Amino acid sequence: MARNSSRSQNFGGSNQERGPRPYDFVYFPTTPPTQNQPPGHHKYLPNHLHGTLFLTLTVQTTLHISTGVVLLGEDINQADIPLIKTMVQGNDNELLIQGSSLKGCIRSVYEAITNSRVGVKPKQPNEYPEERLPAKEKNQLCPASIVFGASGEKWGWQGLITIQDAHCEITGSEVGFMPNLWRPRPDENQAYYNNDGKTVGWKFYYNMKNSIDKGLDNGIPVQVAFRNDEFSTQLNFKNLKPEELGALLIALGQDKNYPLVLKVGAGKPIGMGSMTVAITEAEIVQNQADLYNRYTSLSLPSSQLLTDESLQAFIQSKIQQAHESLIAQTQLQKLSEILNSSTNRIPYESY
């Protein structure tokens, strides 16, 4: 990672045009987050939703999620590459995206659009408004913490969703060549802070129409998935309120008025890591009668399996409920400008 504080435009041995910053901020709302008790895991609650979403993730710009391990190229059937930074692979050598990586990036979006706290205690907590720091008590959970989980001293809350590892639909992998990246420099950029010296909000990297690849002679070899590669996974949930599921669907890019992409993994400043989400089907338990039928039948009742038109009607209904009672509209509008799936923004190597 480059650490030249002068931020010279002479990057990587050649003169590069200095681009605009590749990120922007979704400002914290002026009203503090609500504080709530978690609903518990001890029983299925009435008037709550339980089920599974089946997801297909499509790569839009080159994707790399590092394992932190560097291997010989020949170890992953890339004999012409001396050393390479790797991704996780499955039993059939297909690339994987860890469920924890997906959960983290989805949570960031959910936090920003539901007036929530940050999920992880920052290194400099004094630089954050007190009401935005992670909850200290279990009865202070914000909307995102209830859905995704939280922990504190001598307490923890598991959350209401789990996401399985996403498996690539094709076996093997490709090689990309990343440039060195600049480290974040909040101390050099006043955009990070308000007049009181506090962090202004959530930081997101723009969706871009392509990513930078430096080629074999100038880049760092990394194991990647390329544009149009598809990954499949499942998101399981229980005891979600309809508006909570609706907000989750918005975070997954299902609101036609705010079509968001996910930004996952390394290289976000140079355009990498953009993915779109399609929900192919859903198994939904919507009431106590559904629960009874689910556990007294040897097969899934047809009324609980949603596809095509019934699935889209269900999704749009829950999204509408989220807009009515949970969504921070100003923050969603700003985030949609940053993560919009339709973009002409291009990456710059020097930023």
Foldseek 3Di string as FASTA:
>chain_A
DDDPVVLDCCALNHRFDADDFQKAFLFQDPDFFFFAAAPDDPDFDFLFKWWKFKKKKFFQEKDFAFPPDKDQCVVQPRNVGGIATEADADPLQWGKDAQVQVLVLLLLQLCLFFNAADADADPCNVQADPSRGFDADNRGHGLSCSACWHDHVPDIDRHFKTKHMWTWPDHGWDKFFAADAYDDDCVVDCSQHDPVNHGGHRMDGFAANYFDGPDDVRGHIYTIDGGGTMIIIMMTGGRHNLLSVLSSCVSLQLPPVQRFWTAGHPDSLRNGRTIHMDGAKMFMDRGPVLVVCCVVDPDRPPVRIDGDPRVSVSNVVSNVVNVVPGTPVSSSVVNSVRGPPDDNDGHTRRD
